[in-house]
Protein backbone atom coordinates (compact mmCIF):
# COMPACT_ATOMS: atom_id res chain seq x y z
CA UNK A 1 -8.57 61.94 -7.62
CA UNK A 2 -7.65 58.80 -9.54
CA UNK A 3 -7.04 59.23 -13.27
CA UNK A 4 -9.86 57.16 -14.77
CA UNK A 5 -8.03 56.40 -18.02
CA UNK A 6 -4.93 55.26 -16.13
CA UNK A 7 -7.08 53.13 -13.81
CA UNK A 8 -8.70 51.39 -16.80
CA UNK A 9 -5.32 50.85 -18.50
CA UNK A 10 -3.83 49.41 -15.30
CA UNK A 11 -6.85 47.11 -14.86
CA UNK A 12 -6.63 45.89 -18.46
CA UNK A 13 -2.90 45.25 -18.09
CA UNK A 14 -3.43 43.33 -14.83
CA UNK A 15 -6.26 41.30 -16.36
CA UNK A 16 -4.25 40.43 -19.48
CA UNK A 17 -1.16 39.53 -17.44
CA UNK A 18 -3.24 37.23 -15.24
CA UNK A 19 -4.81 35.57 -18.26
CA UNK A 20 -1.46 35.02 -20.00
CA UNK A 21 0.23 33.67 -16.86
CA UNK A 22 -2.69 31.30 -16.25
CA UNK A 23 -2.43 30.07 -19.83
CA UNK A 24 1.31 29.47 -19.37
CA UNK A 25 0.95 27.51 -16.14
CA UNK A 26 -2.13 25.57 -17.26
CA UNK A 27 0.26 23.13 -18.93
CA UNK A 28 1.57 22.18 -15.45
CA UNK A 29 -1.63 20.15 -15.02
CA UNK A 30 -1.73 18.40 -18.40
CA UNK A 31 -1.34 14.66 -17.99
CA UNK A 32 -1.34 14.95 -14.19
CA UNK A 33 -3.54 13.12 -11.68
CA UNK A 34 -4.95 16.43 -10.37
CA UNK A 35 -6.85 19.14 -12.17
CA UNK A 36 -6.01 22.75 -11.43
CA UNK A 37 -9.23 23.09 -9.40
CA UNK A 38 -8.40 19.96 -7.36
CA UNK A 39 -4.90 21.34 -6.78
CA UNK A 40 -6.41 24.60 -5.51
CA UNK A 41 -8.63 22.73 -3.04
CA UNK A 42 -5.67 20.71 -1.77
CA UNK A 43 -3.56 23.89 -1.54
CA UNK A 44 -6.02 25.36 0.96
CA UNK A 45 -6.55 22.11 2.85
CA UNK A 46 -2.89 21.07 3.15
CA UNK A 47 -1.90 24.52 4.43
CA UNK A 48 -4.46 24.31 7.25
CA UNK A 49 -3.62 22.84 10.65
CA UNK A 50 -3.83 19.03 10.56
CA UNK A 51 -4.56 19.35 6.83
CA UNK A 52 -8.19 20.11 7.70
CA UNK A 53 -10.12 23.16 6.54
CA UNK A 54 -13.69 24.37 6.73
CA UNK A 55 -15.49 23.93 3.44
CA UNK A 56 -16.43 27.62 3.50
CA UNK A 57 -12.72 28.53 3.69
CA UNK A 58 -12.00 26.32 0.70
CA UNK A 59 -14.85 27.99 -1.18
CA UNK A 60 -13.53 31.43 -0.22
CA UNK A 61 -10.20 30.66 -1.87
CA UNK A 62 -11.67 29.33 -5.09
CA UNK A 63 -12.68 31.21 -8.22
CA UNK A 64 -15.77 29.07 -8.76
CA UNK A 65 -19.22 29.09 -7.16
CA UNK A 66 -20.04 27.42 -3.85
CA UNK A 67 -22.17 24.70 -5.49
CA UNK A 68 -19.31 23.95 -7.90
CA UNK A 69 -16.83 23.69 -5.02
CA UNK A 70 -19.19 21.35 -3.15
CA UNK A 71 -19.48 19.06 -6.19
CA UNK A 72 -15.71 19.16 -6.72
CA UNK A 73 -15.08 18.23 -3.08
CA UNK A 74 -17.56 15.35 -3.32
CA UNK A 75 -15.71 14.02 -6.40
CA UNK A 76 -12.41 14.34 -4.53
CA UNK A 77 -13.87 12.43 -1.57
CA UNK A 78 -15.00 9.69 -3.98
CA UNK A 79 -11.46 9.56 -5.44
CA UNK A 80 -9.95 9.18 -1.96
CA UNK A 81 -8.16 12.55 -2.00
CA UNK A 82 -10.22 14.09 0.82
CA UNK A 83 -12.47 13.09 3.66
CA UNK A 84 -15.45 15.18 4.69
CA UNK A 85 -17.35 15.39 7.97
CA UNK A 86 -19.65 17.73 9.85
CA UNK A 87 -17.98 20.71 11.52
CA UNK A 88 -18.50 20.24 15.29
CA UNK A 89 -18.28 24.04 15.78
CA UNK A 90 -20.78 24.86 13.01
CA UNK A 91 -23.72 22.52 12.56
CA UNK A 92 -24.32 23.78 9.03
CA UNK A 93 -20.69 23.52 7.95
CA UNK A 94 -18.31 20.78 6.93
CA UNK A 95 -14.64 20.03 7.44
CA UNK A 96 -12.51 18.56 4.70
CA UNK A 97 -9.23 16.78 5.35
CA UNK A 98 -6.57 15.73 2.87
CA UNK A 99 -5.97 12.00 2.85
CA UNK A 100 -2.41 10.72 2.69
CA UNK A 101 -2.96 9.97 -1.01
CA UNK A 102 -4.29 13.48 -1.64
CA UNK A 103 -1.41 15.09 0.25
CA UNK A 104 1.20 13.03 -1.63
CA UNK A 105 -0.34 13.88 -5.01
CA UNK A 106 -0.50 17.55 -4.04
CA UNK A 107 3.13 17.71 -2.83
CA UNK A 108 4.43 16.00 -5.97
CA UNK A 109 2.64 18.41 -8.28
CA UNK A 110 3.30 21.43 -6.03
CA UNK A 111 7.06 21.04 -6.43
CA UNK A 112 6.87 21.17 -10.23
CA UNK A 113 4.17 23.82 -10.25
CA UNK A 114 6.18 25.99 -7.85
CA UNK A 115 9.20 25.80 -10.15
CA UNK A 116 7.02 26.78 -13.10
CA UNK A 117 5.63 29.78 -11.25
CA UNK A 118 9.09 30.83 -10.06
CA UNK A 119 10.43 30.59 -13.62
CA UNK A 120 7.60 32.76 -14.93
CA UNK A 121 7.94 35.30 -12.12
CA UNK A 122 11.75 35.46 -12.52
CA UNK A 123 11.14 38.29 -15.00
CA UNK A 124 10.64 40.47 -11.92
CA UNK A 125 13.20 41.39 -9.29
CA UNK A 126 12.64 40.45 -5.66
CA UNK A 127 11.73 44.10 -4.95
CA UNK A 128 9.21 44.07 -7.82
CA UNK A 129 7.72 40.79 -6.58
CA UNK A 130 7.31 42.26 -3.09
CA UNK A 131 5.71 45.37 -4.58
CA UNK A 132 3.38 43.25 -6.72
CA UNK A 133 2.34 41.23 -3.64
CA UNK A 134 1.67 44.45 -1.72
CA UNK A 135 -0.29 46.04 -4.55
CA UNK A 136 -2.46 43.01 -5.22
CA UNK A 137 -3.18 42.62 -1.50
CA UNK A 138 -4.21 46.27 -1.44
CA UNK A 139 -6.57 45.70 -4.37
CA UNK A 140 -8.11 42.67 -2.63
CA UNK A 141 -8.67 44.53 0.68
């Protein structure tokens, strides 16, 4: 049986760590051409084959509601960062593709953002990082 007090303490520690890390890395996006939410959309899209992802997959990776993701994607299309079309395999769905401009902006910011994350996470050993990845994946399952 799980110790309830320990479970609550672990949850609070995880929540506070996430909040503090997010606050630290938020500065990576200050004065940049992409917001953190736009970066997250492009992260999902650029990792997909041919830099094209289903809109529902983008939504599944975001921490905001589906209507908010849809509006964000529409703004990104208007800015020339993405294109959007009907999904030929799902008549109700859409596909979004990173434009060259969107991919370039993403890659430029991703390099700096990746360094920032690595610097923050350097407090942990490689074994601890692997354990953290395993534990968080277990919590998400």
